[in-house]
Amino acid sequence: MRCKWLAYELKKSGHDICFLLDDNPKMGDLIATLSWPVFTLPELSEQQDAESVLSLLETFQQPYDIVVDSYSLGIAWEKVIKAAGQKLIVIDDLAREHVCDYLIDQKFVTDQDNRYKRKLPSHCQSLLGPQFALLGPDYQQQHIIKNGKKQNILFSLGGGGDWRLLTPLIKECVYQFEDQLNVRVVIGPQAKHFTELLEFAEQHKQIEIIRSPDSLFIYYQQAALFVGALGTSLYELLATKTASLTFAIAKNQQNEQQDLQQLGHFFHVVNFLELSGARQIQLITTLLTHRNRVEGLLHRAQCPVDGYGVSRVVQCITGSAVAPIKSSKLFKAQPLAREKITAELSYRAVVDEDMMLYLAARNMPTNANKMTITSAIECDEHINWWFENQRQSYIIYANEQPIVFIWHQIFNVQEQPFLIGGWFTTGKKVDFPVALMILKWQLALTMEMFPGARWIAVINKENKFVRLLNQYMGFTDVPQESASFKAIQCAFPQASPQSFHYIERDPDLQVK
């Protein structure tokens, strides 16, 4: 499909096109939509395949440049093509070694400029990053309007996929949401094991089966949520600002979470297919309920996708454009405004973009081992909690580096308000004077926001650092018969008195 859109743009520029494809009967319907010659080749070795391509080109009356997009054809194939003096353009997203003249890789990685270091010839021009995503002309629209009237959830495994992976979940969505939600399922030409799904769809009007569509643009526009494999669809979803929940079923769909987050996609749940049906449904429900916040992340992406990648690629490979700007220079993250605590320390409120950094920091063994729940929090559980929690959370910076997450909230017990809170590091070392300054700032802030509220807390008895810090700031042990003791048991039910200190701070005590 990405070659198809590239070919359309090249044809608009006056170039002749032909396609050489694997001999695959399942691709017949898609081939029929192409308006240029198509040749098929049987399964061959890389050497034989390259020789067959060259032999075919010799029968034409004009020279052709070659574009290759295949995970089964690698550098051995390319060497045969280049030895014949052909201009070679490679589309890849696996960071393999190449001997091409142009390399197109739409995948975004934080260290983009080193992704192909020592893997390309010196003359090769590399077109790297989502600004070169090969999308259809529909995605070039400047204003994409979501249809808020229909609540469609769109399932897809790309061009192939084993539908036994998602059929149970699709059935559960129909049962759970009934008439509140329409279910659309995109079945590609290479799909397997979808008979059960088709039979189920015949009995339930909420399901619409979409077979090998020419474009998914209109379906993305009408979707409240996309659930599926993270392939080329990623860039289509980003261009249409469609809320999505994804997972990987192929090697080329593996992505670093931090890279996806810069694109605005925060809900790539690696183990989604391994979750129970109840947990899958809960996560889908959370993302549907908070769809506006999910889409907000897409609109604030550091590295947006605009749908004009095909035009940029054609300009580069036809010589009608200057060398492209490197990704690292094209996209610059705008830091959020922060308030000063001291000359070196500053803070800001936590935002949805901090969601996964918050989880990673909380799950660090040095932090988790000191908490009332010491096991790692799963990604889906964290997402559900994130959108519902009532904490006021902040991130503390030392100079320009985030070092601490700190939080607090009011916890009512028998109509009496108590303050609870906590903090954990991002992995950076926090010395006693710095931790003391941060705690002073939090106490001063909460005294102003919640005058008269008594602080209650628990401290792991192994955590002597925090024990000393809190004692210095006026926290004292809680008598077992006091109201604070009972409030602590309600607020921290997993914290036993045998393993944790129960402490409180008088609301009238001033901050030193």
Protein backbone atom coordinates (compact mmCIF):
# COMPACT_ATOMS: atom_id res chain seq x y z
CA MET A 1 0.00 0.00 0.00
CA ARG A 2 2.78 2.48 0.79
CA CYS A 3 4.35 1.73 -2.62
CA LYS A 4 0.95 2.28 -4.20
CA TRP A 5 0.70 5.80 -2.79
CA LEU A 6 4.28 6.56 -3.75
CA ALA A 7 3.54 5.33 -7.29
CA TYR A 8 0.46 7.54 -7.58
CA GLU A 9 2.49 10.60 -6.65
CA LEU A 10 5.27 9.68 -9.08
CA LYS A 11 2.74 9.16 -11.84
CA LYS A 12 1.31 12.63 -11.17
CA SER A 13 4.85 13.92 -11.74
CA GLY A 14 4.96 12.29 -15.18
CA HIS A 15 6.74 9.01 -14.43
CA ASP A 16 5.79 5.62 -15.85
CA ILE A 17 5.12 2.93 -13.26
CA CYS A 18 5.18 -0.86 -13.13
CA PHE A 19 4.93 -3.19 -10.14
CA LEU A 20 6.76 -6.46 -9.56
CA LEU A 21 5.02 -8.50 -6.86
CA ASP A 22 5.26 -11.90 -5.26
CA ASP A 23 2.96 -14.39 -6.93
CA ASN A 24 0.12 -14.35 -4.39
CA PRO A 25 -3.49 -15.11 -5.47
CA LYS A 26 -4.84 -13.34 -2.35
CA MET A 27 -3.64 -10.01 -3.70
CA GLY A 28 -5.80 -10.18 -6.83
CA ASP A 29 -8.45 -7.69 -5.69
CA LEU A 30 -5.85 -5.10 -4.72
CA ILE A 31 -3.90 -5.58 -7.94
CA ALA A 32 -7.09 -4.96 -9.90
CA THR A 33 -7.25 -1.42 -8.48
CA LEU A 34 -3.83 -0.47 -9.89
CA SER A 35 -3.67 1.54 -13.09
CA TRP A 36 -0.25 0.36 -14.31
CA PRO A 37 1.32 -2.93 -15.43
CA VAL A 38 1.84 -5.58 -12.75
CA PHE A 39 4.22 -8.53 -13.06
CA THR A 40 4.48 -11.39 -10.59
CA LEU A 41 7.46 -13.52 -9.65
CA PRO A 42 7.45 -16.96 -8.01
CA GLU A 43 9.30 -17.64 -4.76
CA LEU A 44 13.03 -17.42 -5.53
CA SER A 45 16.33 -16.93 -3.75
CA GLU A 46 17.49 -13.32 -3.39
CA GLN A 47 20.07 -13.83 -6.16
CA GLN A 48 17.52 -15.38 -8.51
CA ASP A 49 14.89 -12.77 -7.71
CA ALA A 50 17.29 -9.90 -8.45
CA GLU A 51 18.38 -11.52 -11.73
CA SER A 52 14.71 -11.98 -12.74
CA VAL A 53 14.02 -8.30 -12.04
CA LEU A 54 16.99 -7.24 -14.19
CA SER A 55 15.96 -9.56 -17.00
CA LEU A 56 12.44 -8.13 -16.99
CA LEU A 57 13.74 -4.55 -17.08
CA GLU A 58 15.83 -5.38 -20.13
CA THR A 59 12.62 -6.03 -22.10
CA PHE A 60 11.40 -2.46 -21.55
CA GLN A 61 12.16 0.27 -24.04
CA GLN A 62 13.26 2.76 -21.38
CA PRO A 63 15.31 2.78 -18.16
CA TYR A 64 13.60 2.37 -14.79
CA ASP A 65 14.70 3.26 -11.29
CA ILE A 66 13.93 0.49 -8.79
CA VAL A 67 12.03 0.90 -5.53
CA VAL A 68 12.16 -2.15 -3.24
CA ASP A 69 9.91 -2.64 -0.21
CA SER A 70 10.33 -6.17 1.11
CA TYR A 71 11.33 -7.71 4.42
CA SER A 72 12.53 -10.86 2.60
CA LEU A 73 14.85 -9.02 0.20
CA GLY A 74 17.97 -7.63 1.80
CA ILE A 75 21.49 -6.52 1.03
CA ALA A 76 22.34 -9.63 -1.02
CA TRP A 77 19.51 -8.74 -3.42
CA GLU A 78 20.53 -5.09 -3.47
CA LYS A 79 24.15 -5.88 -4.39
CA VAL A 80 23.04 -7.72 -7.52
CA ILE A 81 20.86 -4.78 -8.55
CA LYS A 82 23.57 -2.19 -7.90
CA ALA A 83 26.19 -4.25 -9.74
CA ALA A 84 24.04 -3.81 -12.84
CA GLY A 85 24.26 -0.01 -12.47
CA GLN A 86 20.65 0.51 -11.40
CA LYS A 87 19.48 3.41 -9.25
CA LEU A 88 18.00 1.84 -6.12
CA ILE A 89 15.51 3.28 -3.63
CA VAL A 90 14.86 1.19 -0.51
CA ILE A 91 11.88 1.40 1.83
CA ASP A 92 12.70 -0.16 5.21
CA ASP A 93 11.89 0.25 8.89
CA LEU A 94 14.12 -2.43 10.43
CA ALA A 95 17.41 -0.46 10.36
CA ARG A 96 19.14 -3.08 8.20
CA GLU A 97 22.34 -2.57 6.20
CA HIS A 98 21.80 -1.36 2.61
CA VAL A 99 23.73 -0.45 -0.56
CA CYS A 100 21.07 1.87 -2.00
CA ASP A 101 20.99 5.41 -3.34
CA TYR A 102 17.98 6.49 -1.26
CA LEU A 103 16.62 5.04 1.97
CA ILE A 104 13.09 5.81 3.16
CA ASP A 105 12.28 4.92 6.77
CA GLN A 106 9.20 6.55 8.30
CA LYS A 107 9.84 5.17 11.76
CA PHE A 108 10.64 7.71 14.44
CA VAL A 109 13.34 7.00 17.00
CA THR A 110 14.81 9.46 19.48
CA ASP A 111 18.35 9.00 18.13
CA GLN A 112 17.19 9.21 14.51
CA ASP A 113 20.47 10.41 13.00
CA ASN A 114 22.40 7.37 14.27
CA ARG A 115 19.79 4.77 13.31
CA TYR A 116 21.68 3.78 10.15
CA LYS A 117 25.18 4.76 11.21
CA ARG A 118 27.75 2.70 9.24
CA LYS A 119 24.90 0.82 7.50
CA LEU A 120 24.62 2.91 4.31
CA PRO A 121 27.03 3.94 1.53
CA SER A 122 28.37 7.48 1.82
CA HIS A 123 26.41 8.73 -1.20
CA CYS A 124 23.05 7.41 0.07
CA GLN A 125 20.47 10.05 0.93
CA SER A 126 18.40 8.91 3.90
CA LEU A 127 14.84 10.14 4.34
CA LEU A 128 14.15 9.31 7.98
CA GLY A 129 11.18 9.99 10.19
CA PRO A 130 7.40 10.36 10.11
CA GLN A 131 7.57 13.44 7.87
CA PHE A 132 8.30 10.86 5.12
CA ALA A 133 5.43 8.49 5.98
CA LEU A 134 3.93 7.18 2.72
CA LEU A 135 0.22 7.83 3.18
CA GLY A 136 -2.61 8.14 0.67
CA PRO A 137 -3.85 11.51 -0.61
CA ASP A 138 -6.83 11.50 1.79
CA TYR A 139 -4.46 12.16 4.69
CA GLN A 140 -3.23 15.43 3.17
CA GLN A 141 -6.40 17.21 4.27
CA GLN A 142 -5.64 20.17 6.46
CA HIS A 143 -8.74 19.89 8.65
CA ILE A 144 -9.77 16.45 9.78
CA ILE A 145 -13.16 16.42 11.50
CA LYS A 146 -14.11 13.58 13.81
CA ASN A 147 -17.70 12.40 13.63
CA GLY A 148 -18.82 12.66 17.24
CA LYS A 149 -22.29 11.24 16.65
CA LYS A 150 -21.23 7.67 15.98
CA GLN A 151 -19.45 5.66 18.61
CA ASN A 152 -17.48 3.26 16.42
CA ILE A 153 -14.66 1.09 17.66
CA LEU A 154 -12.41 -0.04 14.82
CA PHE A 155 -10.44 -3.30 14.96
CA SER A 156 -7.61 -4.14 12.55
CA LEU A 157 -4.64 -6.49 12.29
CA GLY A 158 -3.29 -4.84 9.14
CA GLY A 159 -3.08 -6.70 5.86
CA GLY A 160 -2.84 -10.10 7.52
CA GLY A 161 -3.04 -11.40 11.07
CA ASP A 162 -4.67 -14.29 12.87
CA TRP A 163 -8.17 -13.21 13.90
CA ARG A 164 -8.35 -15.80 16.66
CA LEU A 165 -6.33 -13.21 18.61
CA LEU A 166 -9.16 -10.67 18.70
CA THR A 167 -12.41 -12.56 18.03
CA PRO A 168 -13.12 -13.21 21.75
CA LEU A 169 -12.58 -9.52 22.56
CA ILE A 170 -14.82 -8.37 19.70
CA LYS A 171 -17.59 -10.65 20.93
CA GLU A 172 -17.19 -9.28 24.44
CA CYS A 173 -17.40 -5.70 23.14
CA VAL A 174 -20.71 -6.52 21.46
CA TYR A 175 -22.08 -8.04 24.68
CA GLN A 176 -20.76 -5.28 26.95
CA PHE A 177 -21.63 -2.18 24.94
CA GLU A 178 -24.72 -3.50 23.12
CA ASP A 179 -26.37 -0.65 21.20
CA GLN A 180 -24.06 2.01 22.65
CA LEU A 181 -21.20 1.10 20.34
CA ASN A 182 -20.80 -0.05 16.73
CA VAL A 183 -17.96 -2.44 15.99
CA ARG A 184 -16.09 -2.26 12.69
CA VAL A 185 -13.57 -4.92 11.72
CA VAL A 186 -11.05 -4.51 8.89
CA ILE A 187 -10.00 -7.87 7.43
CA GLY A 188 -6.98 -7.65 5.13
CA PRO A 189 -6.20 -9.85 2.10
CA GLN A 190 -3.69 -11.98 4.04
CA ALA A 191 -5.92 -12.50 7.10
CA LYS A 192 -6.31 -15.97 8.64
CA HIS A 193 -8.89 -17.74 10.78
CA PHE A 194 -11.74 -15.22 10.53
CA THR A 195 -14.63 -17.62 9.74
CA GLU A 196 -15.88 -17.60 13.34
CA LEU A 197 -15.86 -13.81 13.31
CA LEU A 198 -17.86 -13.64 10.08
CA GLU A 199 -20.45 -16.06 11.45
CA PHE A 200 -20.78 -14.00 14.62
CA ALA A 201 -21.15 -10.79 12.59
CA GLU A 202 -24.06 -12.27 10.65
CA GLN A 203 -25.98 -12.62 13.92
CA HIS A 204 -25.19 -9.17 15.40
CA LYS A 205 -26.07 -5.95 13.63
CA GLN A 206 -23.54 -3.95 15.67
CA ILE A 207 -20.67 -5.47 13.67
CA GLU A 208 -19.63 -4.26 10.23
CA ILE A 209 -17.02 -6.28 8.33
CA ILE A 210 -14.76 -4.27 6.00
CA ARG A 211 -12.82 -6.38 3.49
CA SER A 212 -9.51 -5.08 2.05
CA PRO A 213 -10.52 -1.40 1.71
CA ASP A 214 -8.61 0.90 -0.61
CA SER A 215 -8.29 3.42 2.24
CA LEU A 216 -9.21 3.48 5.92
CA PHE A 217 -9.40 7.25 6.08
CA ILE A 218 -13.18 7.53 6.44
CA TYR A 219 -13.24 4.73 9.03
CA TYR A 220 -10.59 6.47 11.13
CA GLN A 221 -12.61 9.69 10.99
CA GLN A 222 -15.69 7.91 12.31
CA ALA A 223 -13.87 5.92 15.01
CA ALA A 224 -14.00 6.77 18.68
CA LEU A 225 -11.19 4.27 19.23
CA PHE A 226 -8.92 2.09 17.10
CA VAL A 227 -7.75 -1.25 18.54
CA GLY A 228 -5.19 -3.25 16.61
CA ALA A 229 -1.70 -4.06 15.43
CA LEU A 230 0.80 -1.21 15.21
CA GLY A 231 1.93 -1.25 11.59
CA THR A 232 1.65 1.40 8.88
CA SER A 233 -1.68 2.25 10.50
CA LEU A 234 0.29 4.15 13.16
CA TYR A 235 0.97 7.05 10.80
CA GLU A 236 -2.58 7.07 9.46
CA LEU A 237 -3.89 7.20 13.03
CA LEU A 238 -1.52 10.03 13.88
CA ALA A 239 -2.48 12.02 10.78
CA THR A 240 -6.21 11.69 11.56
CA LYS A 241 -5.70 12.23 15.31
CA THR A 242 -7.55 8.99 16.07
CA ALA A 243 -7.46 7.63 19.63
CA SER A 244 -5.84 4.20 19.53
CA LEU A 245 -4.89 1.19 21.60
CA THR A 246 -2.21 -0.90 19.92
CA PHE A 247 0.03 -3.95 20.27
CA ALA A 248 2.67 -5.68 18.13
CA ILE A 249 2.30 -8.96 16.22
CA ALA A 250 5.33 -8.60 13.90
CA LYS A 251 8.99 -7.59 14.20
CA ASN A 252 8.55 -4.33 12.29
CA GLN A 253 5.83 -3.30 14.75
CA GLN A 254 8.20 -3.22 17.73
CA ASN A 255 8.66 0.34 18.98
CA GLU A 256 10.23 2.05 21.97
CA GLN A 257 7.55 3.59 24.17
CA GLN A 258 9.38 6.92 24.45
CA ASP A 259 9.51 7.21 20.64
CA LEU A 260 5.78 6.58 20.27
CA GLN A 261 5.04 9.11 22.98
CA GLN A 262 6.84 11.87 21.07
CA LEU A 263 4.47 11.09 18.21
CA GLY A 264 1.50 11.48 20.58
CA HIS A 265 0.73 7.75 20.92
CA PHE A 266 0.78 6.68 24.59
CA PHE A 267 -1.33 3.52 24.51
CA HIS A 268 0.88 0.85 22.97
CA VAL A 269 0.30 -1.97 25.46
CA VAL A 270 2.82 -4.68 24.68
CA ASN A 271 1.06 -7.47 26.56
CA PHE A 272 -2.51 -6.46 25.59
CA LEU A 273 -3.28 -9.80 23.90
CA GLU A 274 -2.17 -11.64 27.05
CA LEU A 275 -4.59 -9.78 29.34
CA SER A 276 -7.84 -11.32 30.50
CA GLY A 277 -10.98 -10.33 28.62
CA ALA A 278 -12.17 -8.31 31.61
CA ARG A 279 -8.96 -6.28 31.70
CA GLN A 280 -9.07 -5.70 27.94
CA ILE A 281 -12.64 -4.41 28.19
CA GLN A 282 -11.78 -2.21 31.17
CA LEU A 283 -8.92 -0.57 29.28
CA ILE A 284 -11.08 0.03 26.20
CA THR A 285 -13.79 1.52 28.43
CA THR A 286 -11.28 3.87 30.06
CA LEU A 287 -9.98 5.17 26.73
CA LEU A 288 -13.49 5.65 25.35
CA THR A 289 -14.61 7.46 28.48
CA HIS A 290 -11.62 9.81 28.34
CA ARG A 291 -11.42 10.10 24.58
CA ASN A 292 -10.99 13.90 24.64
CA ARG A 293 -7.87 13.63 26.80
CA VAL A 294 -6.49 10.82 24.64
CA GLU A 295 -7.00 12.85 21.46
CA GLY A 296 -5.48 15.87 23.22
CA LEU A 297 -2.19 13.98 23.45
CA LEU A 298 -2.26 13.51 19.68
CA HIS A 299 -2.90 17.20 19.04
CA ARG A 300 0.03 18.15 21.30
CA ALA A 301 2.49 15.66 19.77
CA GLN A 302 6.12 16.79 19.64
CA CYS A 303 6.54 15.15 16.22
CA PRO A 304 3.22 15.46 14.34
CA VAL A 305 2.36 13.58 11.14
CA ASP A 306 0.76 15.79 8.49
CA GLY A 307 0.10 13.36 5.60
CA TYR A 308 2.45 15.04 3.10
CA GLY A 309 5.23 12.44 3.35
CA VAL A 310 4.69 11.09 -0.18
CA SER A 311 5.15 14.55 -1.70
CA ARG A 312 8.37 15.09 0.25
CA VAL A 313 9.76 11.72 -0.81
CA VAL A 314 8.98 12.32 -4.50
CA GLN A 315 10.60 15.75 -4.39
CA CYS A 316 13.75 14.21 -2.91
CA ILE A 317 14.14 11.13 -5.11
CA THR A 318 13.36 13.05 -8.31
CA GLY A 319 15.81 15.81 -7.47
CA SER A 320 13.20 18.56 -7.27
CA ALA A 321 13.96 19.39 -3.62
CA VAL A 322 16.99 20.29 -1.57
CA ALA A 323 18.30 17.80 0.98
CA PRO A 324 15.67 17.22 3.70
CA ILE A 325 16.04 18.61 7.16
CA LYS A 326 17.12 15.95 9.64
CA SER A 327 14.47 14.84 12.10
CA SER A 328 16.50 15.99 15.06
CA LYS A 329 16.41 19.55 13.69
CA LEU A 330 12.86 19.49 12.36
CA PHE A 331 11.16 18.72 15.67
CA LYS A 332 11.86 20.63 18.85
CA ALA A 333 9.95 19.88 22.03
CA GLN A 334 8.60 22.97 23.77
CA PRO A 335 9.22 22.62 27.52
CA LEU A 336 6.28 23.30 29.82
CA ALA A 337 6.48 26.35 32.07
CA ARG A 338 7.82 25.75 35.57
CA GLU A 339 7.76 27.67 38.85
CA LYS A 340 10.85 28.24 40.97
CA ILE A 341 11.37 26.67 44.40
CA THR A 342 15.02 27.71 44.71
CA ALA A 343 17.65 28.86 42.23
CA GLU A 344 18.28 25.21 41.30
CA LEU A 345 14.90 23.60 41.97
CA SER A 346 11.67 24.16 40.04
CA TYR A 347 8.33 22.40 39.63
CA ARG A 348 5.28 22.05 37.41
CA ALA A 349 2.01 20.18 37.62
CA VAL A 350 2.02 16.70 36.12
CA VAL A 351 0.22 16.45 32.75
CA ASP A 352 -1.01 13.50 30.71
CA GLU A 353 2.27 13.45 28.75
CA ASP A 354 3.98 12.38 32.01
CA MET A 355 1.82 9.26 32.29
CA MET A 356 4.36 6.63 31.27
CA LEU A 357 7.35 8.37 32.87
CA TYR A 358 5.34 8.32 36.10
CA LEU A 359 4.78 4.57 35.74
CA ALA A 360 8.42 3.83 34.90
CA ALA A 361 9.63 5.80 37.90
CA ARG A 362 7.11 4.23 40.28
CA ASN A 363 8.08 0.72 39.12
CA MET A 364 11.81 1.22 39.65
CA PRO A 365 12.82 -1.34 42.33
CA THR A 366 14.46 1.39 44.44
CA ASN A 367 11.05 3.08 44.67
CA ALA A 368 8.63 0.13 44.58
CA ASN A 369 10.42 -1.76 47.36
CA LYS A 370 9.62 1.05 49.79
CA MET A 371 5.93 1.32 48.94
CA THR A 372 2.89 -0.34 50.46
CA ILE A 373 2.46 -2.29 47.20
CA THR A 374 5.92 -3.48 46.20
CA SER A 375 5.03 -5.33 42.99
CA ALA A 376 5.27 -3.61 39.60
CA ILE A 377 2.11 -1.89 38.38
CA GLU A 378 0.98 -3.22 34.98
CA CYS A 379 0.60 -0.79 32.10
CA ASP A 380 -3.17 -1.27 31.65
CA GLU A 381 -3.78 -0.93 35.39
CA HIS A 382 -1.79 2.29 35.43
CA ILE A 383 -3.73 3.77 32.49
CA ASN A 384 -7.05 2.99 34.19
CA TRP A 385 -5.83 4.53 37.44
CA TRP A 386 -4.30 7.58 35.74
CA PHE A 387 -7.55 8.82 34.26
CA GLU A 388 -9.50 8.37 37.50
CA ASN A 389 -7.08 9.31 40.30
CA GLN A 390 -7.70 12.40 42.43
CA ARG A 391 -4.10 13.15 43.27
CA GLN A 392 -2.48 16.53 42.76
CA SER A 393 0.87 15.50 41.34
CA TYR A 394 3.95 17.53 40.50
CA ILE A 395 7.31 16.88 38.97
CA ILE A 396 10.38 18.49 40.54
CA TYR A 397 13.39 19.52 38.45
CA ALA A 398 16.97 20.07 39.53
CA ASN A 399 18.16 22.61 36.97
CA GLU A 400 16.74 21.05 33.77
CA GLN A 401 16.51 17.42 34.89
CA PRO A 402 13.33 15.85 36.38
CA ILE A 403 14.30 14.22 39.66
CA VAL A 404 11.17 13.62 41.77
CA PHE A 405 7.44 13.00 41.42
CA ILE A 406 5.54 14.28 44.45
CA TRP A 407 1.82 14.10 45.18
CA HIS A 408 -0.87 14.77 47.75
CA GLN A 409 -4.64 14.63 48.08
CA ILE A 410 -7.41 14.99 50.64
CA PHE A 411 -8.64 11.72 52.14
CA ASN A 412 -11.88 11.93 54.11
CA VAL A 413 -12.57 9.59 57.02
CA GLN A 414 -15.94 10.03 58.75
CA GLU A 415 -16.24 13.50 57.21
CA GLN A 416 -12.89 14.53 58.66
CA PRO A 417 -10.30 15.61 56.03
CA PHE A 418 -6.77 14.22 56.17
CA LEU A 419 -3.88 14.92 53.84
CA ILE A 420 -2.02 11.98 52.34
CA GLY A 421 0.87 12.11 49.92
CA GLY A 422 4.18 10.71 48.83
CA TRP A 423 7.13 11.07 46.53
CA PHE A 424 9.49 8.92 44.49
CA THR A 425 12.52 9.63 42.36
CA THR A 426 12.92 9.38 38.59
CA GLY A 427 16.17 7.51 39.10
CA LYS A 428 18.34 10.52 39.84
CA LYS A 429 20.08 10.61 43.22
CA VAL A 430 18.37 12.99 45.65
CA ASP A 431 20.49 14.17 48.57
CA PHE A 432 19.07 14.96 52.00
CA PRO A 433 19.22 18.79 51.64
CA VAL A 434 17.40 18.62 48.28
CA ALA A 435 14.74 16.22 49.61
CA LEU A 436 14.29 18.48 52.64
CA MET A 437 13.75 21.53 50.45
CA ILE A 438 11.19 19.67 48.33
CA LEU A 439 9.26 18.48 51.40
CA LYS A 440 9.28 22.01 52.85
CA TRP A 441 7.82 23.31 49.60
CA GLN A 442 5.06 20.66 49.64
CA LEU A 443 4.14 21.36 53.25
CA ALA A 444 3.94 25.09 52.63
CA LEU A 445 1.82 24.52 49.52
CA THR A 446 -0.65 22.17 51.23
CA MET A 447 -0.97 24.41 54.29
CA GLU A 448 -2.09 27.19 51.97
CA MET A 449 -4.40 24.98 49.90
CA PHE A 450 -5.89 22.90 52.73
CA PRO A 451 -5.67 24.90 55.97
CA GLY A 452 -6.45 22.80 59.01
CA ALA A 453 -5.98 19.42 57.30
CA ARG A 454 -3.82 16.98 59.26
CA TRP A 455 -1.10 15.10 57.38
CA ILE A 456 -1.01 11.31 57.86
CA ALA A 457 1.53 8.99 56.26
CA VAL A 458 3.31 5.65 56.43
CA ILE A 459 7.04 5.02 56.05
CA ASN A 460 8.60 1.65 55.38
CA LYS A 461 10.69 0.77 58.45
CA GLU A 462 13.63 -0.02 56.15
CA ASN A 463 13.53 3.50 54.70
CA LYS A 464 15.64 5.32 57.28
CA PHE A 465 16.31 8.23 54.90
CA VAL A 466 12.63 9.25 54.65
CA ARG A 467 12.07 8.48 58.35
CA LEU A 468 14.77 10.99 59.31
CA LEU A 469 13.51 13.52 56.77
CA ASN A 470 9.95 13.42 58.09
CA GLN A 471 11.04 13.58 61.72
CA TYR A 472 13.01 16.71 60.90
CA MET A 473 9.88 18.24 59.37
CA GLY A 474 7.76 17.65 62.46
CA PHE A 475 6.06 14.32 61.74
CA THR A 476 5.51 12.23 64.86
CA ASP A 477 4.44 8.65 65.52
CA VAL A 478 0.69 8.06 65.79
CA PRO A 479 -0.81 6.57 68.99
CA GLN A 480 -2.65 3.34 68.24
CA GLU A 481 -5.94 4.51 69.75
CA SER A 482 -6.03 7.84 67.90
CA ALA A 483 -8.31 8.90 65.05
CA SER A 484 -5.20 9.34 62.87
CA PHE A 485 -4.24 5.68 63.38
CA LYS A 486 -7.65 4.53 62.15
CA ALA A 487 -7.50 6.98 59.24
CA ILE A 488 -4.10 5.61 58.22
CA GLN A 489 -5.48 2.07 58.21
CA CYS A 490 -8.25 3.24 55.87
CA ALA A 491 -5.94 5.22 53.60
CA PHE A 492 -3.14 2.63 53.44
CA PRO A 493 -4.75 -0.79 53.99
CA GLN A 494 -1.67 -2.68 52.74
CA ALA A 495 0.65 -0.99 55.25
CA SER A 496 0.85 -3.09 58.41
CA PRO A 497 2.14 -1.51 61.66
CA GLN A 498 4.74 -4.28 61.80
CA SER A 499 6.39 -3.08 58.55
CA PHE A 500 5.53 0.62 58.47
CA HIS A 501 5.78 3.60 60.77
CA TYR A 502 2.42 5.38 61.17
CA ILE A 503 3.06 9.12 61.39
CA GLU A 504 1.18 12.44 61.39
CA ARG A 505 1.86 16.16 61.37
CA ASP A 506 -0.09 18.74 63.33
CA PRO A 507 -1.82 21.18 60.95
CA ASP A 508 -0.93 24.12 63.21
CA LEU A 509 2.80 23.33 63.10
CA GLN A 510 4.64 25.91 61.02
CA VAL A 511 7.19 24.98 58.33
CA LYS A 512 10.72 25.77 59.51
